[in-house]
């Protein structure tokens, strides 16, 4: 499932274990729709950025197709959450 929607996953620099996810351009609208349906939306900023929560993890969704997953422990956890959000 990840191969269908995700272009790449990178670990962000800094204290916390945050992951930056880049969605494939051709599938980004579909992926964003699926993610927002499963997340608890906390706020939306001008339709460009949506902050939401999924299983007590903060997810920032950008309309450009970039996601930021915050507060994770490892890459495998990021992949697992993405699998759940994109199915």
PDB file of N, CA and C in Angstrom:
ATOM      1  N   UNK A   1       0.822  -1.199   0.000  1.00  0.00           N
ATOM      2  CA  UNK A   1       0.000   0.000   0.000  1.00  0.00           C
ATOM      3  C   UNK A   1       0.866   1.263   0.000  1.00  0.00           C
ATOM      4  N   UNK A   2       1.942   1.261   0.765  1.00  0.00           N
ATOM      5  CA  UNK A   2       2.790   2.449   0.823  1.00  0.00           C
ATOM      6  C   UNK A   2       3.373   2.788  -0.542  1.00  0.00           C
ATOM      7  N   UNK A   3       3.759   1.774  -1.308  1.00  0.00           N
ATOM      8  CA  UNK A   3       4.381   2.005  -2.610  1.00  0.00           C
ATOM      9  C   UNK A   3       3.430   2.743  -3.557  1.00  0.00           C
ATOM     10  N   UNK A   4       2.128   2.555  -3.346  1.00  0.00           N
ATOM     11  CA  UNK A   4       1.134   3.172  -4.221  1.00  0.00           C
ATOM     12  C   UNK A   4       1.011   4.682  -3.980  1.00  0.00           C
ATOM     13  N   UNK A   5       1.144   5.115  -2.730  1.00  0.00           N
ATOM     14  CA  UNK A   5       0.897   6.509  -2.364  1.00  0.00           C
ATOM     15  C   UNK A   5       2.130   7.300  -1.951  1.00  0.00           C
ATOM     16  N   UNK A   6       3.139   6.638  -1.396  1.00  0.00           N
ATOM     17  CA  UNK A   6       4.267   7.333  -0.780  1.00  0.00           C
ATOM     18  C   UNK A   6       5.483   7.342  -1.704  1.00  0.00           C
ATOM     19  N   UNK A   7       6.021   8.534  -1.910  1.00  0.00           N
ATOM     20  CA  UNK A   7       7.228   8.686  -2.712  1.00  0.00           C
ATOM     21  C   UNK A   7       8.456   8.394  -1.850  1.00  0.00           C
ATOM     22  N   UNK A   8       8.508   9.024  -0.658  1.00  0.00           N
ATOM     23  CA  UNK A   8       9.633   8.761   0.254  1.00  0.00           C
ATOM     24  C   UNK A   8       9.299   9.166   1.687  1.00  0.00           C
ATOM     25  N   UNK A   9      10.047   8.579   2.622  1.00  0.00           N
ATOM     26  CA  UNK A   9       9.915   8.879   4.047  1.00  0.00           C
ATOM     27  C   UNK A   9      11.305   9.245   4.545  1.00  0.00           C
ATOM     28  N   UNK A  10      11.400  10.395   5.214  1.00  0.00           N
ATOM     29  CA  UNK A  10      12.682  10.854   5.737  1.00  0.00           C
ATOM     30  C   UNK A  10      12.531  11.221   7.201  1.00  0.00           C
ATOM     31  N   UNK A  11      13.586  10.995   7.973  1.00  0.00           N
ATOM     32  CA  UNK A  11      13.573  11.384   9.378  1.00  0.00           C
ATOM     33  C   UNK A  11      14.007  12.841   9.484  1.00  0.00           C
ATOM     34  N   UNK A  12      13.251  13.627  10.244  1.00  0.00           N
ATOM     35  CA  UNK A  12      13.555  15.041  10.413  1.00  0.00           C
ATOM     36  C   UNK A  12      14.653  15.219  11.458  1.00  0.00           C
ATOM     37  N   UNK A  13      15.400  16.287  11.337  1.00  0.00           N
ATOM     38  CA  UNK A  13      16.437  16.610  12.310  1.00  0.00           C
ATOM     39  C   UNK A  13      15.789  17.200  13.560  1.00  0.00           C
ATOM     40  N   UNK A  14      16.479  17.118  14.691  1.00  0.00           N
ATOM     41  CA  UNK A  14      15.965  17.716  15.916  1.00  0.00           C
ATOM     42  C   UNK A  14      15.836  16.706  17.038  1.00  0.00           C
ATOM     43  N   UNK A  15      15.265  17.166  18.150  1.00  0.00           N
ATOM     44  CA  UNK A  15      15.144  16.343  19.355  1.00  0.00           C
ATOM     45  C   UNK A  15      14.222  15.148  19.153  1.00  0.00           C
ATOM     46  N   UNK A  16      12.997  15.437  18.731  1.00  0.00           N
ATOM     47  CA  UNK A  16      11.994  14.382  18.610  1.00  0.00           C
ATOM     48  C   UNK A  16      12.216  13.520  17.387  1.00  0.00           C
ATOM     49  N   UNK A  17      11.529  12.387  17.343  1.00  0.00           N
ATOM     50  CA  UNK A  17      11.592  11.516  16.176  1.00  0.00           C
ATOM     51  C   UNK A  17      10.410  11.847  15.290  1.00  0.00           C
ATOM     52  N   UNK A  18      10.589  12.842  14.463  1.00  0.00           N
ATOM     53  CA  UNK A  18       9.553  13.230  13.514  1.00  0.00           C
ATOM     54  C   UNK A  18       9.921  12.694  12.143  1.00  0.00           C
ATOM     55  N   UNK A  19       8.902  12.374  11.350  1.00  0.00           N
ATOM     56  CA  UNK A  19       9.136  11.845  10.015  1.00  0.00           C
ATOM     57  C   UNK A  19       8.407  12.698   8.996  1.00  0.00           C
ATOM     58  N   UNK A  20       9.094  12.998   7.900  1.00  0.00           N
ATOM     59  CA  UNK A  20       8.514  13.751   6.798  1.00  0.00           C
ATOM     60  C   UNK A  20       8.187  12.755   5.699  1.00  0.00           C
ATOM     61  N   UNK A  21       6.947  12.798   5.251  1.00  0.00           N
ATOM     62  CA  UNK A  21       6.479  11.865   4.228  1.00  0.00           C
ATOM     63  C   UNK A  21       6.085  12.681   2.996  1.00  0.00           C
ATOM     64  N   UNK A  22       6.611  12.288   1.852  1.00  0.00           N
ATOM     65  CA  UNK A  22       6.262  12.935   0.593  1.00  0.00           C
ATOM     66  C   UNK A  22       5.370  11.969  -0.188  1.00  0.00           C
ATOM     67  N   UNK A  23       4.164  12.425  -0.509  1.00  0.00           N
ATOM     68  CA  UNK A  23       3.224  11.596  -1.270  1.00  0.00           C
ATOM     69  C   UNK A  23       3.515  11.702  -2.761  1.00  0.00           C
ATOM     70  N   UNK A  24       3.178  10.660  -3.493  1.00  0.00           N
ATOM     71  CA  UNK A  24       3.318  10.698  -4.952  1.00  0.00           C
ATOM     72  C   UNK A  24       2.330  11.717  -5.508  1.00  0.00           C
ATOM     73  N   UNK A  25       2.799  12.538  -6.430  1.00  0.00           N
ATOM     74  CA  UNK A  25       1.985  13.640  -6.932  1.00  0.00           C
ATOM     75  C   UNK A  25       0.670  13.167  -7.545  1.00  0.00           C
ATOM     76  N   UNK A  26       0.715  12.103  -8.312  1.00  0.00           N
ATOM     77  CA  UNK A  26      -0.489  11.625  -9.005  1.00  0.00           C
ATOM     78  C   UNK A  26      -1.556  11.113  -8.046  1.00  0.00           C
ATOM     79  N   UNK A  27      -1.154  10.683  -6.847  1.00  0.00           N
ATOM     80  CA  UNK A  27      -2.097  10.088  -5.891  1.00  0.00           C
ATOM     81  C   UNK A  27      -2.326  10.956  -4.655  1.00  0.00           C
ATOM     82  N   UNK A  28      -1.765  12.158  -4.631  1.00  0.00           N
ATOM     83  CA  UNK A  28      -1.804  12.940  -3.389  1.00  0.00           C
ATOM     84  C   UNK A  28      -3.206  13.333  -2.953  1.00  0.00           C
ATOM     85  N   UNK A  29      -4.081  13.723  -3.874  1.00  0.00           N
ATOM     86  CA  UNK A  29      -5.446  14.127  -3.497  1.00  0.00           C
ATOM     87  C   UNK A  29      -6.203  12.967  -2.864  1.00  0.00           C
ATOM     88  N   UNK A  30      -6.100  11.796  -3.465  1.00  0.00           N
ATOM     89  CA  UNK A  30      -6.763  10.600  -2.933  1.00  0.00           C
ATOM     90  C   UNK A  30      -6.193  10.238  -1.564  1.00  0.00           C
ATOM     91  N   UNK A  31      -4.867  10.294  -1.423  1.00  0.00           N
ATOM     92  CA  UNK A  31      -4.216   9.959  -0.158  1.00  0.00           C
ATOM     93  C   UNK A  31      -4.609  10.942   0.942  1.00  0.00           C
ATOM     94  N   UNK A  32      -4.621  12.230   0.630  1.00  0.00           N
ATOM     95  CA  UNK A  32      -4.993  13.245   1.623  1.00  0.00           C
ATOM     96  C   UNK A  32      -6.433  13.036   2.078  1.00  0.00           C
ATOM     97  N   UNK A  33      -7.321  12.739   1.138  1.00  0.00           N
ATOM     98  CA  UNK A  33      -8.728  12.489   1.492  1.00  0.00           C
ATOM     99  C   UNK A  33      -8.839  11.313   2.454  1.00  0.00           C
ATOM    100  N   UNK A  34      -8.142  10.219   2.169  1.00  0.00           N
ATOM    101  CA  UNK A  34      -8.185   9.039   3.039  1.00  0.00           C
ATOM    102  C   UNK A  34      -7.643   9.352   4.428  1.00  0.00           C
ATOM    103  N   UNK A  35      -6.540  10.091   4.483  1.00  0.00           N
ATOM    104  CA  UNK A  35      -5.917  10.428   5.763  1.00  0.00           C
ATOM    105  C   UNK A  35      -6.848  11.292   6.605  1.00  0.00           C
ATOM    106  N   UNK A  36      -7.431  12.316   5.995  1.00  0.00           N
ATOM    107  CA  UNK A  36      -8.292  13.229   6.747  1.00  0.00           C
ATOM    108  C   UNK A  36      -9.580  12.555   7.217  1.00  0.00           C
ATOM    109  N   UNK A  37     -10.050  11.542   6.489  1.00  0.00           N
ATOM    110  CA  UNK A  37     -11.239  10.803   6.927  1.00  0.00           C
ATOM    111  C   UNK A  37     -10.975  10.032   8.215  1.00  0.00           C
ATOM    112  N   UNK A  38      -9.747   9.575   8.408  1.00  0.00           N
ATOM    113  CA  UNK A  38      -9.426   8.734   9.569  1.00  0.00           C
ATOM    114  C   UNK A  38      -8.852   9.504  10.746  1.00  0.00           C
ATOM    115  N   UNK A  39      -8.435  10.729  10.518  1.00  0.00           N
ATOM    116  CA  UNK A  39      -7.841  11.533  11.586  1.00  0.00           C
ATOM    117  C   UNK A  39      -8.883  12.422  12.253  1.00  0.00           C
ATOM    118  N   UNK A  40      -8.577  12.837  13.473  1.00  0.00           N
ATOM    119  CA  UNK A  40      -9.385  13.806  14.194  1.00  0.00           C
ATOM    120  C   UNK A  40      -8.795  15.190  13.906  1.00  0.00           C
ATOM    121  N   UNK A  41      -9.457  15.962  13.051  1.00  0.00           N
ATOM    122  CA  UNK A  41      -8.939  17.262  12.627  1.00  0.00           C
ATOM    123  C   UNK A  41      -9.026  18.255  13.779  1.00  0.00           C
ATOM    124  N   UNK A  42      -7.883  18.888  14.101  1.00  0.00           N
ATOM    125  CA  UNK A  42      -7.838  19.872  15.182  1.00  0.00           C
ATOM    126  C   UNK A  42      -7.979  21.292  14.645  1.00  0.00           C
ATOM    127  N   UNK A  43      -7.294  21.583  13.535  1.00  0.00           N
ATOM    128  CA  UNK A  43      -7.438  22.905  12.918  1.00  0.00           C
ATOM    129  C   UNK A  43      -6.933  22.884  11.486  1.00  0.00           C
ATOM    130  N   UNK A  44      -7.452  23.825  10.715  1.00  0.00           N
ATOM    131  CA  UNK A  44      -7.057  23.976   9.321  1.00  0.00           C
ATOM    132  C   UNK A  44      -6.617  25.420   9.112  1.00  0.00           C
ATOM    133  N   UNK A  45      -5.493  25.606   8.451  1.00  0.00           N
ATOM    134  CA  UNK A  45      -4.972  26.947   8.202  1.00  0.00           C
ATOM    135  C   UNK A  45      -5.062  27.262   6.710  1.00  0.00           C
ATOM    136  N   UNK A  46      -6.016  28.088   6.351  1.00  0.00           N
ATOM    137  CA  UNK A  46      -6.200  28.580   4.977  1.00  0.00           C
ATOM    138  C   UNK A  46      -6.272  27.473   3.931  1.00  0.00           C
ATOM    139  N   UNK A  47      -6.670  26.283   4.309  1.00  0.00           N
ATOM    140  CA  UNK A  47      -6.763  25.185   3.357  1.00  0.00           C
ATOM    141  C   UNK A  47      -5.419  24.656   2.892  1.00  0.00           C
ATOM    142  N   UNK A  48      -4.340  25.189   3.438  1.00  0.00           N
ATOM    143  CA  UNK A  48      -3.000  24.780   3.034  1.00  0.00           C
ATOM    144  C   UNK A  48      -2.448  23.719   3.983  1.00  0.00           C
ATOM    145  N   UNK A  49      -2.728  23.883   5.260  1.00  0.00           N
ATOM    146  CA  UNK A  49      -2.211  22.980   6.289  1.00  0.00           C
ATOM    147  C   UNK A  49      -3.357  22.531   7.184  1.00  0.00           C
ATOM    148  N   UNK A  50      -3.404  21.240   7.462  1.00  0.00           N
ATOM    149  CA  UNK A  50      -4.386  20.697   8.398  1.00  0.00           C
ATOM    150  C   UNK A  50      -3.628  19.944   9.481  1.00  0.00           C
ATOM    151  N   UNK A  51      -3.844  20.350  10.730  1.00  0.00           N
ATOM    152  CA  UNK A  51      -3.266  19.641  11.864  1.00  0.00           C
ATOM    153  C   UNK A  51      -4.318  18.691  12.410  1.00  0.00           C
ATOM    154  N   UNK A  52      -3.930  17.443  12.599  1.00  0.00           N
ATOM    155  CA  UNK A  52      -4.879  16.474  13.117  1.00  0.00           C
ATOM    156  C   UNK A  52      -4.168  15.448  13.985  1.00  0.00           C
ATOM    157  N   UNK A  53      -4.953  14.582  14.615  1.00  0.00           N
ATOM    158  CA  UNK A  53      -4.411  13.530  15.482  1.00  0.00           C
ATOM    159  C   UNK A  53      -4.914  12.181  15.017  1.00  0.00           C
ATOM    160  N   UNK A  54      -4.026  11.207  15.126  1.00  0.00           N
ATOM    161  CA  UNK A  54      -4.378   9.818  14.849  1.00  0.00           C
ATOM    162  C   UNK A  54      -3.669   8.962  15.889  1.00  0.00           C
ATOM    163  N   UNK A  55      -4.444   8.275  16.716  1.00  0.00           N
ATOM    164  CA  UNK A  55      -3.894   7.431  17.790  1.00  0.00           C
ATOM    165  C   UNK A  55      -2.882   8.191  18.649  1.00  0.00           C
ATOM    166  N   UNK A  56      -3.260   9.362  19.101  1.00  0.00           N
ATOM    167  CA  UNK A  56      -2.433  10.224  19.957  1.00  0.00           C
ATOM    168  C   UNK A  56      -1.138  10.696  19.320  1.00  0.00           C
ATOM    169  N   UNK A  57      -1.023  10.597  18.012  1.00  0.00           N
ATOM    170  CA  UNK A  57       0.139  11.114  17.293  1.00  0.00           C
ATOM    171  C   UNK A  57      -0.305  12.313  16.475  1.00  0.00           C
ATOM    172  N   UNK A  58       0.526  13.338  16.437  1.00  0.00           N
ATOM    173  CA  UNK A  58       0.189  14.544  15.678  1.00  0.00           C
ATOM    174  C   UNK A  58       0.598  14.358  14.220  1.00  0.00           C
ATOM    175  N   UNK A  59      -0.322  14.687  13.332  1.00  0.00           N
ATOM    176  CA  UNK A  59      -0.089  14.574  11.898  1.00  0.00           C
ATOM    177  C   UNK A  59      -0.386  15.933  11.259  1.00  0.00           C
ATOM    178  N   UNK A  60       0.597  16.481  10.551  1.00  0.00           N
ATOM    179  CA  UNK A  60       0.395  17.721   9.807  1.00  0.00           C
ATOM    180  C   UNK A  60       0.300  17.350   8.338  1.00  0.00           C
ATOM    181  N   UNK A  61      -0.788  17.777   7.700  1.00  0.00           N
ATOM    182  CA  UNK A  61      -1.045  17.430   6.303  1.00  0.00           C
ATOM    183  C   UNK A  61      -1.028  18.717   5.485  1.00  0.00           C
ATOM    184  N   UNK A  62      -0.098  18.795   4.538  1.00  0.00           N
ATOM    185  CA  UNK A  62       0.001  19.949   3.650  1.00  0.00           C
ATOM    186  C   UNK A  62      -0.654  19.613   2.314  1.00  0.00           C
ATOM    187  N   UNK A  63      -1.349  20.562   1.717  1.00  0.00           N
ATOM    188  CA  UNK A  63      -2.014  20.350   0.428  1.00  0.00           C
ATOM    189  C   UNK A  63      -1.029  20.006  -0.685  1.00  0.00           C
ATOM    190  N   UNK A  64       0.233  20.312  -0.481  1.00  0.00           N
ATOM    191  CA  UNK A  64       1.255  20.026  -1.490  1.00  0.00           C
ATOM    192  C   UNK A  64       1.595  18.540  -1.556  1.00  0.00           C
ATOM    193  N   UNK A  65       1.108  17.763  -0.572  1.00  0.00           N
ATOM    194  CA  UNK A  65       1.396  16.334  -0.555  1.00  0.00           C
ATOM    195  C   UNK A  65       2.486  15.952   0.421  1.00  0.00           C
ATOM    196  N   UNK A  66       2.777  16.849   1.348  1.00  0.00           N
ATOM    197  CA  UNK A  66       3.777  16.548   2.373  1.00  0.00           C
ATOM    198  C   UNK A  66       3.063  16.319   3.701  1.00  0.00           C
ATOM    199  N   UNK A  67       3.517  15.312   4.440  1.00  0.00           N
ATOM    200  CA  UNK A  67       2.988  15.018   5.770  1.00  0.00           C
ATOM    201  C   UNK A  67       4.129  15.093   6.766  1.00  0.00           C
ATOM    202  N   UNK A  68       3.823  15.496   7.993  1.00  0.00           N
ATOM    203  CA  UNK A  68       4.796  15.424   9.075  1.00  0.00           C
ATOM    204  C   UNK A  68       4.151  14.627  10.190  1.00  0.00           C
ATOM    205  N   UNK A  69       4.775  13.514  10.548  1.00  0.00           N
ATOM    206  CA  UNK A  69       4.317  12.656  11.644  1.00  0.00           C
ATOM    207  C   UNK A  69       5.205  12.947  12.837  1.00  0.00           C
ATOM    208  N   UNK A  70       4.610  13.389  13.946  1.00  0.00           N
ATOM    209  CA  UNK A  70       5.390  13.823  15.104  1.00  0.00           C
ATOM    210  C   UNK A  70       5.251  12.866  16.275  1.00  0.00           C
ATOM    211  N   UNK A  71       6.322  12.746  17.041  1.00  0.00           N
ATOM    212  CA  UNK A  71       6.301  11.988  18.287  1.00  0.00           C
ATOM    213  C   UNK A  71       6.377  10.481  18.118  1.00  0.00           C
ATOM    214  N   UNK A  72       6.999  10.020  17.061  1.00  0.00           N
ATOM    215  CA  UNK A  72       7.115   8.581  16.840  1.00  0.00           C
ATOM    216  C   UNK A  72       8.432   8.062  17.399  1.00  0.00           C
ATOM    217  N   UNK A  73       8.526   6.742  17.542  1.00  0.00           N
ATOM    218  CA  UNK A  73       9.740   6.164  18.109  1.00  0.00           C
ATOM    219  C   UNK A  73      10.693   5.632  17.050  1.00  0.00           C
ATOM    220  N   UNK A  74      10.153   5.152  15.927  1.00  0.00           N
ATOM    221  CA  UNK A  74      11.020   4.592  14.893  1.00  0.00           C
ATOM    222  C   UNK A  74      10.338   4.639  13.533  1.00  0.00           C
ATOM    223  N   UNK A  75      11.117   4.397  12.500  1.00  0.00           N
ATOM    224  CA  UNK A  75      10.597   4.429  11.127  1.00  0.00           C
ATOM    225  C   UNK A  75       9.492   3.398  10.916  1.00  0.00           C
ATOM    226  N   UNK A  76       9.639   2.223  11.515  1.00  0.00           N
ATOM    227  CA  UNK A  76       8.638   1.161  11.359  1.00  0.00           C
ATOM    228  C   UNK A  76       7.274   1.636  11.872  1.00  0.00           C
ATOM    229  N   UNK A  77       7.269   2.396  12.969  1.00  0.00           N
ATOM    230  CA  UNK A  77       6.017   2.936  13.503  1.00  0.00           C
ATOM    231  C   UNK A  77       5.383   3.914  12.504  1.00  0.00           C
ATOM    232  N   UNK A  78       6.208   4.730  11.865  1.00  0.00           N
ATOM    233  CA  UNK A  78       5.703   5.665  10.853  1.00  0.00           C
ATOM    234  C   UNK A  78       5.078   4.897   9.691  1.00  0.00           C
ATOM    235  N   UNK A  79       5.728   3.843   9.250  1.00  0.00           N
ATOM    236  CA  UNK A  79       5.205   3.035   8.154  1.00  0.00           C
ATOM    237  C   UNK A  79       3.890   2.359   8.528  1.00  0.00           C
ATOM    238  N   UNK A  80       3.797   1.884   9.771  1.00  0.00           N
ATOM    239  CA  UNK A  80       2.582   1.218  10.244  1.00  0.00           C
ATOM    240  C   UNK A  80       1.409   2.201  10.260  1.00  0.00           C
ATOM    241  N   UNK A  81       1.640   3.403  10.781  1.00  0.00           N
ATOM    242  CA  UNK A  81       0.587   4.420  10.843  1.00  0.00           C
ATOM    243  C   UNK A  81       0.151   4.806   9.429  1.00  0.00           C
ATOM    244  N   UNK A  82       1.090   4.972   8.522  1.00  0.00           N
ATOM    245  CA  UNK A  82       0.753   5.302   7.141  1.00  0.00           C
ATOM    246  C   UNK A  82      -0.087   4.202   6.490  1.00  0.00           C
ATOM    247  N   UNK A  83       0.282   2.953   6.738  1.00  0.00           N
ATOM    248  CA  UNK A  83      -0.495   1.824   6.202  1.00  0.00           C
ATOM    249  C   UNK A  83      -1.953   1.910   6.668  1.00  0.00           C
ATOM    250  N   UNK A  84      -2.136   2.179   7.976  1.00  0.00           N
ATOM    251  CA  UNK A  84      -3.484   2.260   8.539  1.00  0.00           C
ATOM    252  C   UNK A  84      -4.258   3.438   7.939  1.00  0.00           C
ATOM    253  N   UNK A  85      -3.584   4.563   7.764  1.00  0.00           N
ATOM    254  CA  UNK A  85      -4.265   5.750   7.247  1.00  0.00           C
ATOM    255  C   UNK A  85      -4.622   5.626   5.769  1.00  0.00           C
ATOM    256  N   UNK A  86      -3.834   4.895   5.018  1.00  0.00           N
ATOM    257  CA  UNK A  86      -4.022   4.842   3.565  1.00  0.00           C
ATOM    258  C   UNK A  86      -4.843   3.646   3.091  1.00  0.00           C
ATOM    259  N   UNK A  87      -5.294   2.784   4.005  1.00  0.00           N
ATOM    260  CA  UNK A  87      -6.113   1.652   3.590  1.00  0.00           C
ATOM    261  C   UNK A  87      -7.589   1.986   3.671  1.00  0.00           C
TER     262      UNK A  87
END
